[in-house]
Amino acid sequence: MTAPERGLAPVMTGIAAMVFDVDGVLTDSARVHAEAWKEAFDACLREHPPADTALDRPFDAADDYLRYVDGKPRADGAAAFLHARRVPIPDGSPSDAPGTDSVAAVAALKDGMFTRRIRQHGIEPFPGSVRLLKALRSAGIPMAAASSSHHARDVLEGAGLLEYFVTLVDGDESHRLGLAGKPDPALFLEAAGRLGVEPAHAAVAEDALAGVEAGRRGG
């Protein structure tokens, strides 16, 4: 049966499985991530301003978010932005408490801020994404969610979307398996493998540049 006969657009002909990113694709959580990053980065910049005054400006929740942190594991995103701004703090270690005195501490600070926002305000799915999930499920196409975020399960459950997915490869699973972060395709390849399909027969739904590149690299 062709894709149009199954109620899907012709562009989806030949797709045997779908792998979805979460933040910014299924829910508006990318906006919440950007807000939490801004709060954490701006606090760090106030405490540890770059020596180069040209780099001493607040985090831009649009441009800087897309350039440095969107789609990446939390630690990689924090390092990318703070190193680019030449903020005079050490990298630290994953055990660092939330704060502004190391890159790892800023990442932990952002994590707490994001969690607080989700708990206070919840998260809404994009209506168009929900329609697509329903159509794919009706067509019998298996789906996986794959996200660098350690909060992906909480976001999907809060948005009422977890039931659509055969499997979830999130930040916790990525850490456990030692998977490289986007733009490396490891996260998506793991998801496709769990669905039992070759990468060439699957499609990726992404909004981040690093994620799009990961999908292309993975075939």
N, C-alpha and C. Protein backbone atom coordinates (compact mmCIF):
# COMPACT_ATOMS: atom_id res chain seq x y z
N MET A 1 0.85 -1.20 0.00
CA MET A 1 0.00 0.00 0.00
C MET A 1 0.88 1.24 0.00
N THR A 2 0.59 2.21 -0.85
CA THR A 2 1.41 3.42 -0.92
C THR A 2 1.06 4.37 0.20
N ALA A 3 1.96 5.35 0.41
CA ALA A 3 1.75 6.33 1.48
C ALA A 3 0.44 7.09 1.32
N PRO A 4 0.09 7.58 0.10
CA PRO A 4 -1.18 8.28 -0.03
C PRO A 4 -2.38 7.41 0.34
N GLU A 5 -2.31 6.11 0.00
CA GLU A 5 -3.42 5.23 0.34
C GLU A 5 -3.55 5.02 1.84
N ARG A 6 -2.45 5.24 2.55
CA ARG A 6 -2.48 5.11 4.01
C ARG A 6 -2.77 6.44 4.68
N GLY A 7 -3.11 7.47 3.90
CA GLY A 7 -3.44 8.76 4.47
C GLY A 7 -2.26 9.65 4.73
N LEU A 8 -1.09 9.31 4.19
CA LEU A 8 0.11 10.12 4.38
C LEU A 8 0.49 10.81 3.08
N ALA A 9 1.25 11.87 3.21
CA ALA A 9 1.67 12.63 2.02
C ALA A 9 2.60 11.80 1.14
N PRO A 10 2.58 12.02 -0.18
CA PRO A 10 3.45 11.27 -1.09
C PRO A 10 4.94 11.36 -0.72
N VAL A 11 5.35 12.48 -0.09
CA VAL A 11 6.76 12.64 0.28
C VAL A 11 7.22 11.56 1.25
N MET A 12 6.27 10.89 1.91
CA MET A 12 6.62 9.86 2.89
C MET A 12 6.61 8.46 2.28
N THR A 13 6.46 8.38 0.99
CA THR A 13 6.51 7.08 0.32
C THR A 13 7.85 6.39 0.59
N GLY A 14 7.80 5.13 0.96
CA GLY A 14 9.02 4.37 1.19
C GLY A 14 9.57 4.45 2.59
N ILE A 15 8.98 5.27 3.44
CA ILE A 15 9.46 5.39 4.82
C ILE A 15 8.89 4.25 5.66
N ALA A 16 9.77 3.48 6.29
CA ALA A 16 9.35 2.34 7.08
C ALA A 16 9.30 2.65 8.57
N ALA A 17 9.90 3.76 8.98
CA ALA A 17 9.92 4.14 10.40
C ALA A 17 10.25 5.62 10.50
N MET A 18 9.85 6.22 11.63
CA MET A 18 10.13 7.63 11.87
C MET A 18 10.84 7.78 13.21
N VAL A 19 11.85 8.66 13.23
CA VAL A 19 12.55 9.01 14.46
C VAL A 19 12.36 10.50 14.69
N PHE A 20 11.80 10.84 15.86
CA PHE A 20 11.48 12.23 16.17
C PHE A 20 12.39 12.79 17.24
N ASP A 21 12.95 13.96 16.98
CA ASP A 21 13.49 14.77 18.06
C ASP A 21 12.30 15.26 18.88
N VAL A 22 12.56 15.74 20.09
CA VAL A 22 11.46 16.13 20.97
C VAL A 22 11.31 17.64 21.06
N ASP A 23 12.32 18.32 21.61
CA ASP A 23 12.22 19.75 21.85
C ASP A 23 12.15 20.53 20.54
N GLY A 24 11.10 21.31 20.38
CA GLY A 24 10.94 22.12 19.18
C GLY A 24 10.34 21.39 18.01
N VAL A 25 10.19 20.06 18.12
CA VAL A 25 9.58 19.26 17.05
C VAL A 25 8.20 18.78 17.48
N LEU A 26 8.14 18.18 18.66
CA LEU A 26 6.88 17.66 19.19
C LEU A 26 6.24 18.63 20.18
N THR A 27 7.07 19.38 20.89
CA THR A 27 6.56 20.31 21.90
C THR A 27 7.30 21.63 21.81
N ASP A 28 6.76 22.62 22.52
CA ASP A 28 7.37 23.95 22.55
C ASP A 28 8.46 24.03 23.61
N SER A 29 9.02 22.91 24.00
CA SER A 29 10.02 22.90 25.06
C SER A 29 11.33 23.55 24.66
N ALA A 30 11.60 23.69 23.35
CA ALA A 30 12.82 24.38 22.94
C ALA A 30 12.82 25.82 23.46
N ARG A 31 11.66 26.45 23.46
CA ARG A 31 11.56 27.81 24.00
C ARG A 31 11.90 27.83 25.48
N VAL A 32 11.43 26.82 26.21
CA VAL A 32 11.69 26.75 27.64
C VAL A 32 13.18 26.49 27.90
N HIS A 33 13.78 25.63 27.09
CA HIS A 33 15.22 25.40 27.20
C HIS A 33 15.98 26.71 26.98
N ALA A 34 15.60 27.46 25.94
CA ALA A 34 16.29 28.71 25.63
C ALA A 34 16.18 29.70 26.79
N GLU A 35 15.02 29.78 27.41
CA GLU A 35 14.83 30.69 28.54
C GLU A 35 15.70 30.28 29.73
N ALA A 36 15.79 28.97 29.98
CA ALA A 36 16.61 28.48 31.09
C ALA A 36 18.09 28.71 30.81
N TRP A 37 18.51 28.48 29.57
CA TRP A 37 19.90 28.75 29.21
C TRP A 37 20.23 30.22 29.40
N LYS A 38 19.35 31.09 28.98
CA LYS A 38 19.62 32.53 29.11
C LYS A 38 19.79 32.92 30.57
N GLU A 39 18.93 32.43 31.42
CA GLU A 39 19.04 32.76 32.84
C GLU A 39 20.37 32.28 33.42
N ALA A 40 20.76 31.06 33.06
CA ALA A 40 22.00 30.50 33.60
C ALA A 40 23.23 31.19 33.01
N PHE A 41 23.26 31.37 31.69
CA PHE A 41 24.42 32.00 31.05
C PHE A 41 24.58 33.46 31.49
N ASP A 42 23.48 34.18 31.56
CA ASP A 42 23.59 35.59 31.96
C ASP A 42 24.10 35.73 33.39
N ALA A 43 23.69 34.81 34.25
CA ALA A 43 24.21 34.82 35.63
C ALA A 43 25.71 34.59 35.62
N CYS A 44 26.17 33.66 34.80
CA CYS A 44 27.60 33.36 34.70
C CYS A 44 28.37 34.56 34.14
N LEU A 45 27.84 35.18 33.11
CA LEU A 45 28.50 36.32 32.49
C LEU A 45 28.61 37.50 33.45
N ARG A 46 27.62 37.67 34.32
CA ARG A 46 27.69 38.74 35.32
C ARG A 46 28.79 38.47 36.33
N GLU A 47 28.93 37.20 36.73
CA GLU A 47 29.93 36.83 37.73
C GLU A 47 31.33 36.73 37.14
N HIS A 48 31.42 36.33 35.88
CA HIS A 48 32.72 36.10 35.24
C HIS A 48 32.73 36.74 33.85
N PRO A 49 32.75 38.06 33.76
CA PRO A 49 32.71 38.71 32.44
C PRO A 49 33.97 38.43 31.64
N PRO A 50 33.84 38.22 30.34
CA PRO A 50 35.01 38.01 29.48
C PRO A 50 35.93 39.23 29.49
N ALA A 51 37.22 38.97 29.38
CA ALA A 51 38.18 40.08 29.33
C ALA A 51 37.98 40.92 28.07
N ASP A 52 37.57 40.27 26.98
CA ASP A 52 37.29 40.97 25.73
C ASP A 52 35.90 41.59 25.83
N THR A 53 35.85 42.90 25.93
CA THR A 53 34.55 43.56 26.11
C THR A 53 33.61 43.33 24.93
N ALA A 54 34.15 43.02 23.77
CA ALA A 54 33.29 42.75 22.61
C ALA A 54 32.48 41.48 22.80
N LEU A 55 32.95 40.60 23.69
CA LEU A 55 32.25 39.34 23.96
C LEU A 55 31.37 39.42 25.20
N ASP A 56 31.43 40.57 25.89
CA ASP A 56 30.70 40.72 27.15
C ASP A 56 29.31 41.28 26.88
N ARG A 57 28.42 40.38 26.46
CA ARG A 57 27.03 40.77 26.20
C ARG A 57 26.13 39.61 26.60
N PRO A 58 24.87 39.88 26.90
CA PRO A 58 23.97 38.80 27.35
C PRO A 58 23.79 37.72 26.30
N PHE A 59 23.41 36.55 26.75
CA PHE A 59 23.07 35.43 25.87
C PHE A 59 21.82 35.78 25.08
N ASP A 60 21.86 35.55 23.78
CA ASP A 60 20.70 35.79 22.92
C ASP A 60 19.91 34.49 22.80
N ALA A 61 18.69 34.50 23.32
CA ALA A 61 17.88 33.27 23.37
C ALA A 61 17.44 32.80 21.99
N ALA A 62 17.67 33.59 20.97
CA ALA A 62 17.36 33.16 19.60
C ALA A 62 18.66 32.74 18.89
N ASP A 63 19.50 33.71 18.58
CA ASP A 63 20.70 33.43 17.78
C ASP A 63 21.70 32.55 18.51
N ASP A 64 22.06 32.91 19.74
CA ASP A 64 23.05 32.11 20.48
C ASP A 64 22.52 30.72 20.78
N TYR A 65 21.25 30.62 21.07
CA TYR A 65 20.67 29.30 21.35
C TYR A 65 20.82 28.38 20.14
N LEU A 66 20.47 28.88 18.96
CA LEU A 66 20.56 28.07 17.75
C LEU A 66 22.01 27.76 17.39
N ARG A 67 22.89 28.72 17.60
CA ARG A 67 24.28 28.56 17.19
C ARG A 67 25.04 27.59 18.10
N TYR A 68 24.79 27.66 19.40
CA TYR A 68 25.67 26.95 20.34
C TYR A 68 25.05 25.76 21.08
N VAL A 69 23.77 25.81 21.38
CA VAL A 69 23.25 24.77 22.29
C VAL A 69 22.09 23.94 21.74
N ASP A 70 21.39 24.43 20.75
CA ASP A 70 20.20 23.72 20.27
C ASP A 70 20.55 22.32 19.76
N GLY A 71 19.88 21.32 20.31
CA GLY A 71 20.05 19.95 19.85
C GLY A 71 21.23 19.21 20.43
N LYS A 72 22.08 19.88 21.20
CA LYS A 72 23.29 19.25 21.73
C LYS A 72 23.07 18.75 23.16
N PRO A 73 23.86 17.78 23.61
CA PRO A 73 23.83 17.43 25.02
C PRO A 73 24.13 18.67 25.87
N ARG A 74 23.56 18.72 27.06
CA ARG A 74 23.67 19.91 27.91
C ARG A 74 25.12 20.34 28.13
N ALA A 75 25.98 19.41 28.47
CA ALA A 75 27.38 19.75 28.74
C ALA A 75 28.07 20.31 27.50
N ASP A 76 27.79 19.74 26.34
CA ASP A 76 28.40 20.22 25.09
C ASP A 76 27.93 21.62 24.76
N GLY A 77 26.64 21.89 24.96
CA GLY A 77 26.10 23.22 24.67
C GLY A 77 26.69 24.28 25.59
N ALA A 78 26.79 23.96 26.87
CA ALA A 78 27.37 24.91 27.82
C ALA A 78 28.81 25.22 27.45
N ALA A 79 29.57 24.19 27.12
CA ALA A 79 30.97 24.39 26.76
C ALA A 79 31.10 25.20 25.47
N ALA A 80 30.27 24.91 24.49
CA ALA A 80 30.36 25.61 23.21
C ALA A 80 30.15 27.11 23.39
N PHE A 81 29.13 27.50 24.14
CA PHE A 81 28.86 28.93 24.31
C PHE A 81 29.91 29.61 25.18
N LEU A 82 30.22 29.03 26.34
CA LEU A 82 31.14 29.69 27.27
C LEU A 82 32.56 29.75 26.72
N HIS A 83 32.97 28.74 25.98
CA HIS A 83 34.29 28.79 25.35
C HIS A 83 34.31 29.85 24.24
N ALA A 84 33.21 29.96 23.48
CA ALA A 84 33.15 30.96 22.42
C ALA A 84 33.23 32.38 22.99
N ARG A 85 32.65 32.58 24.16
CA ARG A 85 32.69 33.90 24.81
C ARG A 85 33.96 34.09 25.65
N ARG A 86 34.80 33.06 25.72
CA ARG A 86 36.06 33.10 26.48
C ARG A 86 35.81 33.47 27.95
N VAL A 87 34.80 32.85 28.52
CA VAL A 87 34.49 33.08 29.93
C VAL A 87 35.57 32.40 30.77
N PRO A 88 36.19 33.13 31.70
CA PRO A 88 37.34 32.62 32.45
C PRO A 88 36.97 31.69 33.60
N ILE A 89 36.41 30.52 33.27
CA ILE A 89 36.08 29.52 34.28
C ILE A 89 36.54 28.16 33.78
N PRO A 90 36.85 27.21 34.69
CA PRO A 90 37.27 25.88 34.26
C PRO A 90 36.10 25.05 33.76
N ASP A 91 36.40 23.93 33.11
CA ASP A 91 35.34 23.04 32.64
C ASP A 91 34.62 22.37 33.80
N GLY A 92 35.33 22.05 34.87
CA GLY A 92 34.70 21.39 36.01
C GLY A 92 34.42 19.93 35.72
N SER A 93 33.53 19.33 36.52
CA SER A 93 33.18 17.92 36.37
C SER A 93 31.68 17.75 36.51
N PRO A 94 31.12 16.62 36.03
CA PRO A 94 29.67 16.42 36.10
C PRO A 94 29.10 16.45 37.52
N SER A 95 29.96 16.28 38.51
CA SER A 95 29.47 16.29 39.90
C SER A 95 29.36 17.70 40.48
N ASP A 96 29.77 18.71 39.72
CA ASP A 96 29.70 20.09 40.22
C ASP A 96 28.26 20.49 40.54
N ALA A 97 28.10 21.17 41.67
CA ALA A 97 26.78 21.67 42.06
C ALA A 97 26.38 22.83 41.16
N PRO A 98 25.08 23.09 41.01
CA PRO A 98 24.64 24.21 40.18
C PRO A 98 25.28 25.52 40.63
N GLY A 99 25.76 26.29 39.69
CA GLY A 99 26.39 27.56 40.00
C GLY A 99 26.99 28.19 38.76
N THR A 100 27.97 29.07 38.95
CA THR A 100 28.56 29.80 37.82
C THR A 100 30.08 29.71 37.78
N ASP A 101 30.69 28.86 38.62
CA ASP A 101 32.15 28.84 38.72
C ASP A 101 32.82 27.80 37.84
N SER A 102 32.06 27.02 37.08
CA SER A 102 32.61 26.09 36.11
C SER A 102 31.58 25.87 35.01
N VAL A 103 32.05 25.37 33.87
CA VAL A 103 31.13 25.07 32.78
C VAL A 103 30.10 24.03 33.21
N ALA A 104 30.57 23.00 33.92
CA ALA A 104 29.65 21.96 34.39
C ALA A 104 28.64 22.51 35.38
N ALA A 105 29.06 23.45 36.22
CA ALA A 105 28.14 24.05 37.20
C ALA A 105 27.06 24.87 36.50
N VAL A 106 27.43 25.57 35.44
CA VAL A 106 26.44 26.35 34.67
C VAL A 106 25.44 25.41 34.00
N ALA A 107 25.93 24.28 33.47
CA ALA A 107 25.03 23.30 32.87
C ALA A 107 24.05 22.76 33.90
N ALA A 108 24.54 22.50 35.12
CA ALA A 108 23.66 22.01 36.18
C ALA A 108 22.66 23.08 36.60
N LEU A 109 23.11 24.33 36.61
CA LEU A 109 22.22 25.44 36.96
C LEU A 109 21.08 25.53 35.95
N LYS A 110 21.42 25.43 34.67
CA LYS A 110 20.40 25.47 33.63
C LYS A 110 19.41 24.32 33.80
N ASP A 111 19.91 23.13 34.15
CA ASP A 111 19.05 21.96 34.31
C ASP A 111 17.98 22.21 35.37
N GLY A 112 18.39 22.78 36.49
CA GLY A 112 17.43 23.08 37.56
C GLY A 112 16.41 24.11 37.15
N MET A 113 16.85 25.10 36.39
CA MET A 113 15.94 26.14 35.94
C MET A 113 14.91 25.59 34.96
N PHE A 114 15.35 24.70 34.07
CA PHE A 114 14.42 24.09 33.13
C PHE A 114 13.39 23.23 33.85
N THR A 115 13.86 22.42 34.80
CA THR A 115 12.95 21.56 35.55
C THR A 115 11.90 22.37 36.29
N ARG A 116 12.32 23.48 36.88
CA ARG A 116 11.38 24.32 37.61
C ARG A 116 10.31 24.89 36.68
N ARG A 117 10.72 25.32 35.51
CA ARG A 117 9.75 25.87 34.56
C ARG A 117 8.73 24.82 34.11
N ILE A 118 9.22 23.62 33.83
CA ILE A 118 8.32 22.55 33.38
C ILE A 118 7.31 22.22 34.47
N ARG A 119 7.78 22.13 35.70
CA ARG A 119 6.88 21.77 36.81
C ARG A 119 5.87 22.87 37.10
N GLN A 120 6.28 24.12 36.90
CA GLN A 120 5.38 25.23 37.19
C GLN A 120 4.36 25.46 36.09
N HIS A 121 4.78 25.28 34.84
CA HIS A 121 3.93 25.69 33.72
C HIS A 121 3.52 24.55 32.78
N GLY A 122 4.12 23.36 32.95
CA GLY A 122 3.79 22.26 32.07
C GLY A 122 4.33 22.49 30.67
N ILE A 123 3.90 21.66 29.74
CA ILE A 123 4.38 21.77 28.36
C ILE A 123 3.25 21.34 27.42
N GLU A 124 3.14 22.01 26.30
CA GLU A 124 2.07 21.70 25.35
C GLU A 124 2.66 21.12 24.06
N PRO A 125 2.02 20.10 23.50
CA PRO A 125 2.49 19.59 22.20
C PRO A 125 2.02 20.49 21.08
N PHE A 126 2.74 20.46 19.96
CA PHE A 126 2.30 21.18 18.78
C PHE A 126 1.14 20.40 18.14
N PRO A 127 0.00 21.05 17.89
CA PRO A 127 -1.14 20.34 17.30
C PRO A 127 -0.81 19.62 16.00
N GLY A 128 -0.01 20.25 15.14
CA GLY A 128 0.35 19.60 13.88
C GLY A 128 1.17 18.35 14.08
N SER A 129 2.03 18.37 15.09
CA SER A 129 2.83 17.19 15.40
C SER A 129 1.95 16.05 15.90
N VAL A 130 0.96 16.39 16.70
CA VAL A 130 0.03 15.37 17.20
C VAL A 130 -0.73 14.74 16.04
N ARG A 131 -1.16 15.55 15.07
CA ARG A 131 -1.87 15.01 13.91
C ARG A 131 -0.97 14.05 13.13
N LEU A 132 0.31 14.42 12.99
CA LEU A 132 1.24 13.55 12.27
C LEU A 132 1.46 12.24 13.02
N LEU A 133 1.62 12.31 14.33
CA LEU A 133 1.80 11.09 15.13
C LEU A 133 0.60 10.16 14.98
N LYS A 134 -0.59 10.72 15.00
CA LYS A 134 -1.80 9.90 14.86
C LYS A 134 -1.86 9.26 13.47
N ALA A 135 -1.50 10.02 12.45
CA ALA A 135 -1.53 9.49 11.08
C ALA A 135 -0.51 8.37 10.91
N LEU A 136 0.67 8.55 11.45
CA LEU A 136 1.71 7.52 11.34
C LEU A 136 1.30 6.26 12.09
N ARG A 137 0.72 6.45 13.26
CA ARG A 137 0.28 5.28 14.03
C ARG A 137 -0.82 4.54 13.29
N SER A 138 -1.75 5.28 12.69
CA SER A 138 -2.83 4.64 11.93
C SER A 138 -2.28 3.89 10.72
N ALA A 139 -1.18 4.39 10.16
CA ALA A 139 -0.58 3.76 8.99
C ALA A 139 0.32 2.58 9.38
N GLY A 140 0.48 2.35 10.67
CA GLY A 140 1.29 1.23 11.12
C GLY A 140 2.79 1.46 11.01
N ILE A 141 3.20 2.72 10.96
CA ILE A 141 4.62 3.05 10.88
C ILE A 141 5.18 3.22 12.29
N PRO A 142 6.16 2.40 12.70
CA PRO A 142 6.70 2.51 14.06
C PRO A 142 7.50 3.79 14.24
N MET A 143 7.47 4.31 15.45
CA MET A 143 8.12 5.59 15.74
C MET A 143 8.99 5.49 16.98
N ALA A 144 10.09 6.22 16.95
CA ALA A 144 10.98 6.36 18.09
C ALA A 144 11.18 7.84 18.37
N ALA A 145 11.40 8.16 19.64
CA ALA A 145 11.80 9.52 20.02
C ALA A 145 13.27 9.46 20.39
N ALA A 146 14.03 10.43 19.92
CA ALA A 146 15.46 10.47 20.20
C ALA A 146 15.85 11.90 20.53
N SER A 147 16.35 12.11 21.74
CA SER A 147 16.67 13.46 22.19
C SER A 147 17.90 13.44 23.09
N SER A 148 18.73 14.46 22.95
CA SER A 148 19.89 14.59 23.82
C SER A 148 19.50 14.99 25.24
N SER A 149 18.28 15.44 25.41
CA SER A 149 17.83 15.94 26.71
C SER A 149 17.60 14.81 27.72
N HIS A 150 18.02 15.05 28.96
CA HIS A 150 17.73 14.11 30.05
C HIS A 150 16.28 14.24 30.51
N HIS A 151 15.58 15.24 30.00
CA HIS A 151 14.18 15.48 30.40
C HIS A 151 13.19 15.01 29.35
N ALA A 152 13.65 14.33 28.32
CA ALA A 152 12.76 13.99 27.21
C ALA A 152 11.57 13.16 27.66
N ARG A 153 11.80 12.18 28.54
CA ARG A 153 10.68 11.35 29.01
C ARG A 153 9.66 12.19 29.76
N ASP A 154 10.13 13.08 30.64
CA ASP A 154 9.22 13.94 31.39
C ASP A 154 8.42 14.84 30.46
N VAL A 155 9.09 15.38 29.43
CA VAL A 155 8.41 16.26 28.48
C VAL A 155 7.35 15.49 27.71
N LEU A 156 7.68 14.30 27.22
CA LEU A 156 6.72 13.50 26.45
C LEU A 156 5.54 13.07 27.31
N GLU A 157 5.83 12.66 28.54
CA GLU A 157 4.73 12.27 29.44
C GLU A 157 3.85 13.46 29.76
N GLY A 158 4.47 14.62 30.02
CA GLY A 158 3.70 15.81 30.35
C GLY A 158 2.83 16.29 29.19
N ALA A 159 3.30 16.04 27.98
CA ALA A 159 2.54 16.45 26.79
C ALA A 159 1.58 15.37 26.31
N GLY A 160 1.58 14.21 26.98
CA GLY A 160 0.68 13.11 26.59
C GLY A 160 1.07 12.42 25.31
N LEU A 161 2.37 12.38 24.99
CA LEU A 161 2.82 11.82 23.71
C LEU A 161 3.62 10.53 23.84
N LEU A 162 3.98 10.14 25.03
CA LEU A 162 4.88 9.00 25.18
C LEU A 162 4.30 7.72 24.59
N GLU A 163 2.99 7.57 24.62
CA GLU A 163 2.33 6.35 24.15
C GLU A 163 2.53 6.09 22.66
N TYR A 164 2.91 7.11 21.91
CA TYR A 164 3.05 6.94 20.45
C TYR A 164 4.36 6.23 20.07
N PHE A 165 5.29 6.13 20.98
CA PHE A 165 6.63 5.69 20.62
C PHE A 165 6.95 4.29 21.10
N VAL A 166 7.53 3.51 20.18
CA VAL A 166 7.97 2.16 20.50
C VAL A 166 9.14 2.23 21.47
N THR A 167 10.00 3.23 21.29
CA THR A 167 11.19 3.35 22.13
C THR A 167 11.58 4.81 22.25
N LEU A 168 12.34 5.11 23.31
CA LEU A 168 12.86 6.45 23.55
C LEU A 168 14.35 6.33 23.84
N VAL A 169 15.15 7.06 23.08
CA VAL A 169 16.58 7.15 23.35
C VAL A 169 16.84 8.59 23.80
N ASP A 170 16.98 8.78 25.11
CA ASP A 170 17.13 10.13 25.64
C ASP A 170 18.55 10.35 26.17
N GLY A 171 18.75 11.46 26.86
CA GLY A 171 20.06 11.77 27.38
C GLY A 171 20.57 10.74 28.36
N ASP A 172 19.68 10.18 29.17
CA ASP A 172 20.09 9.15 30.12
C ASP A 172 20.58 7.90 29.40
N GLU A 173 19.83 7.47 28.39
CA GLU A 173 20.23 6.30 27.61
C GLU A 173 21.52 6.57 26.83
N SER A 174 21.62 7.77 26.29
CA SER A 174 22.81 8.12 25.54
C SER A 174 24.05 8.06 26.42
N HIS A 175 23.92 8.55 27.65
CA HIS A 175 25.04 8.49 28.60
C HIS A 175 25.37 7.06 28.97
N ARG A 176 24.35 6.25 29.21
CA ARG A 176 24.56 4.87 29.60
C ARG A 176 25.27 4.08 28.49
N LEU A 177 24.91 4.36 27.25
CA LEU A 177 25.47 3.63 26.12
C LEU A 177 26.76 4.26 25.57
N GLY A 178 27.11 5.44 26.09
CA GLY A 178 28.31 6.11 25.60
C GLY A 178 28.16 6.66 24.20
N LEU A 179 26.96 7.09 23.83
CA LEU A 179 26.72 7.61 22.49
C LEU A 179 27.23 9.04 22.37
N ALA A 180 27.85 9.35 21.26
CA ALA A 180 28.30 10.72 21.00
C ALA A 180 27.09 11.61 20.74
N GLY A 181 27.22 12.89 21.06
CA GLY A 181 26.13 13.83 20.86
C GLY A 181 26.03 14.31 19.43
N LYS A 182 24.89 14.88 19.08
CA LYS A 182 24.71 15.47 17.76
C LYS A 182 25.76 16.57 17.57
N PRO A 183 26.30 16.72 16.37
CA PRO A 183 25.85 16.21 15.07
C PRO A 183 26.28 14.78 14.73
N ASP A 184 26.91 14.07 15.66
CA ASP A 184 27.16 12.65 15.42
C ASP A 184 25.82 11.94 15.31
N PRO A 185 25.67 10.98 14.41
CA PRO A 185 24.37 10.32 14.19
C PRO A 185 24.06 9.19 15.17
N ALA A 186 24.92 8.96 16.16
CA ALA A 186 24.77 7.78 17.03
C ALA A 186 23.39 7.67 17.66
N LEU A 187 22.84 8.80 18.12
CA LEU A 187 21.52 8.79 18.78
C LEU A 187 20.44 8.28 17.83
N PHE A 188 20.44 8.79 16.60
CA PHE A 188 19.43 8.39 15.63
C PHE A 188 19.65 6.96 15.14
N LEU A 189 20.89 6.56 15.00
CA LEU A 189 21.17 5.20 14.56
C LEU A 189 20.73 4.19 15.61
N GLU A 190 20.92 4.53 16.88
CA GLU A 190 20.44 3.65 17.95
C GLU A 190 18.93 3.52 17.91
N ALA A 191 18.23 4.65 17.68
CA ALA A 191 16.77 4.63 17.61
C ALA A 191 16.29 3.78 16.44
N ALA A 192 16.90 3.97 15.27
CA ALA A 192 16.50 3.18 14.10
C ALA A 192 16.75 1.70 14.33
N GLY A 193 17.87 1.38 14.96
CA GLY A 193 18.17 -0.02 15.27
C GLY A 193 17.13 -0.64 16.17
N ARG A 194 16.66 0.12 17.15
CA ARG A 194 15.64 -0.40 18.06
C ARG A 194 14.31 -0.62 17.35
N LEU A 195 14.08 0.14 16.28
CA LEU A 195 12.86 -0.05 15.51
C LEU A 195 13.00 -1.18 14.49
N GLY A 196 14.22 -1.68 14.35
CA GLY A 196 14.45 -2.81 13.45
C GLY A 196 14.48 -2.44 11.98
N VAL A 197 14.87 -1.21 11.66
CA VAL A 197 14.93 -0.78 10.26
C VAL A 197 16.31 -0.24 9.93
N GLU A 198 16.68 -0.34 8.66
CA GLU A 198 17.91 0.26 8.19
C GLU A 198 17.74 1.78 8.14
N PRO A 199 18.79 2.54 8.44
CA PRO A 199 18.67 4.01 8.42
C PRO A 199 18.10 4.56 7.11
N ALA A 200 18.48 3.95 5.99
CA ALA A 200 18.01 4.44 4.69
C ALA A 200 16.50 4.32 4.52
N HIS A 201 15.86 3.49 5.34
CA HIS A 201 14.41 3.30 5.24
C HIS A 201 13.65 4.06 6.33
N ALA A 202 14.38 4.88 7.08
CA ALA A 202 13.76 5.67 8.14
C ALA A 202 13.91 7.15 7.83
N ALA A 203 13.11 7.97 8.48
CA ALA A 203 13.20 9.42 8.33
C ALA A 203 13.33 10.05 9.71
N VAL A 204 13.97 11.21 9.75
CA VAL A 204 14.17 11.95 10.99
C VAL A 204 13.39 13.26 10.92
N ALA A 205 12.71 13.59 12.01
CA ALA A 205 12.05 14.88 12.14
C ALA A 205 12.86 15.71 13.13
N GLU A 206 13.43 16.81 12.66
CA GLU A 206 14.35 17.62 13.45
C GLU A 206 14.12 19.10 13.21
N ASP A 207 14.54 19.92 14.18
CA ASP A 207 14.50 21.37 13.98
C ASP A 207 15.86 22.01 14.22
N ALA A 208 16.78 21.31 14.89
CA ALA A 208 18.09 21.87 15.21
C ALA A 208 19.08 21.59 14.09
N LEU A 209 19.98 22.54 13.83
CA LEU A 209 20.98 22.34 12.79
C LEU A 209 21.85 21.12 13.08
N ALA A 210 22.23 20.97 14.36
CA ALA A 210 23.06 19.81 14.73
C ALA A 210 22.30 18.51 14.49
N GLY A 211 20.99 18.52 14.73
CA GLY A 211 20.18 17.32 14.52
C GLY A 211 19.99 17.00 13.05
N VAL A 212 19.79 18.02 12.22
CA VAL A 212 19.66 17.81 10.78
C VAL A 212 20.95 17.21 10.23
N GLU A 213 22.08 17.77 10.68
CA GLU A 213 23.36 17.23 10.23
C GLU A 213 23.54 15.78 10.68
N ALA A 214 23.10 15.48 11.91
CA ALA A 214 23.19 14.11 12.40
C ALA A 214 22.36 13.16 11.54
N GLY A 215 21.16 13.60 11.16
CA GLY A 215 20.32 12.77 10.30
C GLY A 215 20.97 12.52 8.95
N ARG A 216 21.58 13.53 8.39
CA ARG A 216 22.25 13.37 7.10
C ARG A 216 23.46 12.44 7.22
N ARG A 217 24.24 12.62 8.27
CA ARG A 217 25.41 11.77 8.46
C ARG A 217 25.03 10.31 8.65
N GLY A 218 23.87 10.09 9.27
CA GLY A 218 23.43 8.72 9.53
C GLY A 218 22.75 8.07 8.35
N GLY A 219 22.51 8.81 7.32
CA GLY A 219 21.90 8.25 6.12
C GLY A 219 20.39 8.08 6.21
